């Protein structure tokens, strides 16, 4: 009977320690900072843009277009006409690069051998 009481006390102590650990980190096991746009700019970006990503609203993050520039990411308001045009321009460039890459690849099959055509028994 004493063994059961000691085991129950140990389990209770472990449960208390675990709950303190979890609530001490606001319920997050990994205290990783949120990396997203919480505000956006309407100002047109003049830096060279190397890419973009669309961000959906998920508080504290807001709807945004994240442009990757030579000086780091920039959060832009997705409804701005210049933002829409820049996305279209980047997609056109990306498609042209993809088509060029596909045209330059060799279309010769790697192998014509098939295990289903084997004549050995």
C-alpha atoms as a PDB file:
ATOM      1  CA  UNK A   1       0.000   0.000   0.000  1.00  0.00           C
ATOM      2  CA  UNK A   2       2.876   2.388   0.803  1.00  0.00           C
ATOM      3  CA  UNK A   3       4.454   1.654  -2.590  1.00  0.00           C
ATOM      4  CA  UNK A   4       1.256   2.710  -4.388  1.00  0.00           C
ATOM      5  CA  UNK A   5       1.118   5.964  -2.410  1.00  0.00           C
ATOM      6  CA  UNK A   6       4.760   6.763  -3.232  1.00  0.00           C
ATOM      7  CA  UNK A   7       4.135   6.029  -6.922  1.00  0.00           C
ATOM      8  CA  UNK A   8       1.034   8.236  -6.955  1.00  0.00           C
ATOM      9  CA  UNK A   9       2.953  11.092  -5.306  1.00  0.00           C
ATOM     10  CA  UNK A  10       5.757  10.747  -7.850  1.00  0.00           C
ATOM     11  CA  UNK A  11       3.300  10.805 -10.740  1.00  0.00           C
ATOM     12  CA  UNK A  12       1.552  13.842  -9.255  1.00  0.00           C
ATOM     13  CA  UNK A  13       4.875  15.644  -8.875  1.00  0.00           C
ATOM     14  CA  UNK A  14       5.798  14.879 -12.492  1.00  0.00           C
ATOM     15  CA  UNK A  15       2.396  16.140 -13.665  1.00  0.00           C
ATOM     16  CA  UNK A  16       2.851  19.408 -11.749  1.00  0.00           C
ATOM     17  CA  UNK A  17       6.361  19.933 -13.141  1.00  0.00           C
ATOM     18  CA  UNK A  18       5.177  19.259 -16.707  1.00  0.00           C
ATOM     19  CA  UNK A  19       2.242  21.672 -16.402  1.00  0.00           C
ATOM     20  CA  UNK A  20       4.548  24.399 -15.052  1.00  0.00           C
ATOM     21  CA  UNK A  21       6.931  23.831 -17.973  1.00  0.00           C
ATOM     22  CA  UNK A  22       4.146  24.060 -20.566  1.00  0.00           C
ATOM     23  CA  UNK A  23       2.388  27.091 -19.072  1.00  0.00           C
ATOM     24  CA  UNK A  24       5.746  28.796 -18.582  1.00  0.00           C
ATOM     25  CA  UNK A  25       6.122  28.890 -22.370  1.00  0.00           C
ATOM     26  CA  UNK A  26       2.532  30.050 -23.037  1.00  0.00           C
ATOM     27  CA  UNK A  27       1.586  26.545 -24.084  1.00  0.00           C
ATOM     28  CA  UNK A  28       4.271  26.420 -26.771  1.00  0.00           C
ATOM     29  CA  UNK A  29       6.787  23.653 -26.401  1.00  0.00           C
ATOM     30  CA  UNK A  30       9.241  25.466 -28.694  1.00  0.00           C
ATOM     31  CA  UNK A  31       9.459  29.163 -28.005  1.00  0.00           C
ATOM     32  CA  UNK A  32      10.157  30.070 -31.634  1.00  0.00           C
ATOM     33  CA  UNK A  33       9.480  33.682 -32.656  1.00  0.00           C
ATOM     34  CA  UNK A  34       6.794  34.193 -35.277  1.00  0.00           C
ATOM     35  CA  UNK A  35       8.344  35.371 -38.540  1.00  0.00           C
ATOM     36  CA  UNK A  36       5.650  36.993 -40.623  1.00  0.00           C
ATOM     37  CA  UNK A  37       4.304  40.350 -41.705  1.00  0.00           C
ATOM     38  CA  UNK A  38       2.251  41.998 -38.990  1.00  0.00           C
ATOM     39  CA  UNK A  39       2.060  45.289 -40.910  1.00  0.00           C
ATOM     40  CA  UNK A  40       2.313  46.155 -44.602  1.00  0.00           C
ATOM     41  CA  UNK A  41       3.501  49.063 -46.696  1.00  0.00           C
ATOM     42  CA  UNK A  42       1.854  50.615 -49.738  1.00  0.00           C
ATOM     43  CA  UNK A  43       5.115  52.229 -50.846  1.00  0.00           C
ATOM     44  CA  UNK A  44       6.514  50.841 -54.095  1.00  0.00           C
ATOM     45  CA  UNK A  45       9.744  48.889 -53.707  1.00  0.00           C
ATOM     46  CA  UNK A  46      12.661  50.239 -55.727  1.00  0.00           C
ATOM     47  CA  UNK A  47      15.223  47.650 -54.608  1.00  0.00           C
ATOM     48  CA  UNK A  48      15.944  44.646 -56.853  1.00  0.00           C
ATOM     49  CA  UNK A  49      13.373  41.923 -56.106  1.00  0.00           C
ATOM     50  CA  UNK A  50      14.564  38.321 -56.207  1.00  0.00           C
ATOM     51  CA  UNK A  51      11.256  36.601 -55.441  1.00  0.00           C
ATOM     52  CA  UNK A  52       7.994  36.773 -53.548  1.00  0.00           C
ATOM     53  CA  UNK A  53       5.660  34.818 -51.309  1.00  0.00           C
ATOM     54  CA  UNK A  54       1.972  35.258 -50.519  1.00  0.00           C
ATOM     55  CA  UNK A  55       1.072  35.340 -46.844  1.00  0.00           C
ATOM     56  CA  UNK A  56      -2.466  34.621 -45.638  1.00  0.00           C
ATOM     57  CA  UNK A  57      -3.938  36.207 -42.525  1.00  0.00           C
ATOM     58  CA  UNK A  58      -3.259  34.168 -39.397  1.00  0.00           C
ATOM     59  CA  UNK A  59      -3.032  36.532 -36.405  1.00  0.00           C
ATOM     60  CA  UNK A  60      -0.769  38.193 -35.623  1.00  0.00           C
ATOM     61  CA  UNK A  61       0.189  37.805 -39.314  1.00  0.00           C
ATOM     62  CA  UNK A  62      -1.781  39.816 -41.893  1.00  0.00           C
ATOM     63  CA  UNK A  63      -2.590  39.301 -45.589  1.00  0.00           C
ATOM     64  CA  UNK A  64       0.527  40.414 -47.428  1.00  0.00           C
ATOM     65  CA  UNK A  65       2.864  39.893 -50.319  1.00  0.00           C
ATOM     66  CA  UNK A  66       6.383  39.344 -49.065  1.00  0.00           C
ATOM     67  CA  UNK A  67       8.909  40.501 -51.635  1.00  0.00           C
ATOM     68  CA  UNK A  68      12.447  39.205 -51.196  1.00  0.00           C
ATOM     69  CA  UNK A  69      14.894  41.977 -52.005  1.00  0.00           C
ATOM     70  CA  UNK A  70      18.655  42.320 -51.966  1.00  0.00           C
ATOM     71  CA  UNK A  71      18.251  44.000 -48.552  1.00  0.00           C
ATOM     72  CA  UNK A  72      15.844  41.471 -47.036  1.00  0.00           C
ATOM     73  CA  UNK A  73      12.098  40.778 -47.109  1.00  0.00           C
ATOM     74  CA  UNK A  74       9.566  43.600 -47.509  1.00  0.00           C
ATOM     75  CA  UNK A  75       5.878  43.320 -46.560  1.00  0.00           C
ATOM     76  CA  UNK A  76       3.560  44.902 -49.111  1.00  0.00           C
ATOM     77  CA  UNK A  77      -0.185  45.497 -49.256  1.00  0.00           C
ATOM     78  CA  UNK A  78      -1.588  42.905 -51.644  1.00  0.00           C
ATOM     79  CA  UNK A  79      -4.291  45.178 -53.125  1.00  0.00           C
ATOM     80  CA  UNK A  80      -1.873  47.785 -54.490  1.00  0.00           C
ATOM     81  CA  UNK A  81      -1.825  47.866 -58.302  1.00  0.00           C
ATOM     82  CA  UNK A  82       1.980  47.987 -58.416  1.00  0.00           C
ATOM     83  CA  UNK A  83       2.124  44.839 -56.232  1.00  0.00           C
ATOM     84  CA  UNK A  84      -0.185  42.950 -58.588  1.00  0.00           C
ATOM     85  CA  UNK A  85       1.868  44.079 -61.592  1.00  0.00           C
ATOM     86  CA  UNK A  86       5.165  43.100 -59.937  1.00  0.00           C
ATOM     87  CA  UNK A  87       3.791  39.608 -59.160  1.00  0.00           C
ATOM     88  CA  UNK A  88       2.682  39.235 -62.785  1.00  0.00           C
ATOM     89  CA  UNK A  89       6.118  40.353 -64.021  1.00  0.00           C
ATOM     90  CA  UNK A  90       7.888  37.905 -61.702  1.00  0.00           C
ATOM     91  CA  UNK A  91       5.609  35.036 -62.762  1.00  0.00           C
ATOM     92  CA  UNK A  92       6.312  35.825 -66.438  1.00  0.00           C
ATOM     93  CA  UNK A  93      10.066  35.792 -65.824  1.00  0.00           C
ATOM     94  CA  UNK A  94       9.762  32.541 -63.863  1.00  0.00           C
ATOM     95  CA  UNK A  95       7.780  30.913 -66.694  1.00  0.00           C
ATOM     96  CA  UNK A  96      10.325  32.053 -69.292  1.00  0.00           C
ATOM     97  CA  UNK A  97      13.173  30.634 -67.204  1.00  0.00           C
ATOM     98  CA  UNK A  98      11.302  27.341 -66.805  1.00  0.00           C
ATOM     99  CA  UNK A  99      10.596  27.099 -70.556  1.00  0.00           C
ATOM    100  CA  UNK A 100      14.244  27.816 -71.353  1.00  0.00           C
ATOM    101  CA  UNK A 101      15.326  25.126 -68.930  1.00  0.00           C
ATOM    102  CA  UNK A 102      12.862  22.617 -70.402  1.00  0.00           C
ATOM    103  CA  UNK A 103      14.003  23.392 -73.971  1.00  0.00           C
ATOM    104  CA  UNK A 104      17.629  22.797 -73.052  1.00  0.00           C
ATOM    105  CA  UNK A 105      17.103  19.419 -71.374  1.00  0.00           C
ATOM    106  CA  UNK A 106      17.773  16.222 -73.297  1.00  0.00           C
ATOM    107  CA  UNK A 107      14.603  14.231 -73.968  1.00  0.00           C
ATOM    108  CA  UNK A 108      16.384  10.937 -74.715  1.00  0.00           C
ATOM    109  CA  UNK A 109      15.054   8.134 -72.504  1.00  0.00           C
ATOM    110  CA  UNK A 110      17.439   6.964 -69.814  1.00  0.00           C
ATOM    111  CA  UNK A 111      16.928   3.294 -70.633  1.00  0.00           C
ATOM    112  CA  UNK A 112      14.916   1.215 -73.073  1.00  0.00           C
ATOM    113  CA  UNK A 113      15.428  -1.974 -71.073  1.00  0.00           C
ATOM    114  CA  UNK A 114      12.372  -3.265 -69.267  1.00  0.00           C
ATOM    115  CA  UNK A 115      12.157  -6.082 -66.748  1.00  0.00           C
ATOM    116  CA  UNK A 116       8.916  -7.136 -68.468  1.00  0.00           C
ATOM    117  CA  UNK A 117      10.678  -7.794 -71.804  1.00  0.00           C
ATOM    118  CA  UNK A 118      13.280 -10.117 -70.300  1.00  0.00           C
ATOM    119  CA  UNK A 119      13.854 -13.322 -72.293  1.00  0.00           C
ATOM    120  CA  UNK A 120      15.793 -15.142 -69.593  1.00  0.00           C
ATOM    121  CA  UNK A 121      13.949 -17.835 -67.678  1.00  0.00           C
END
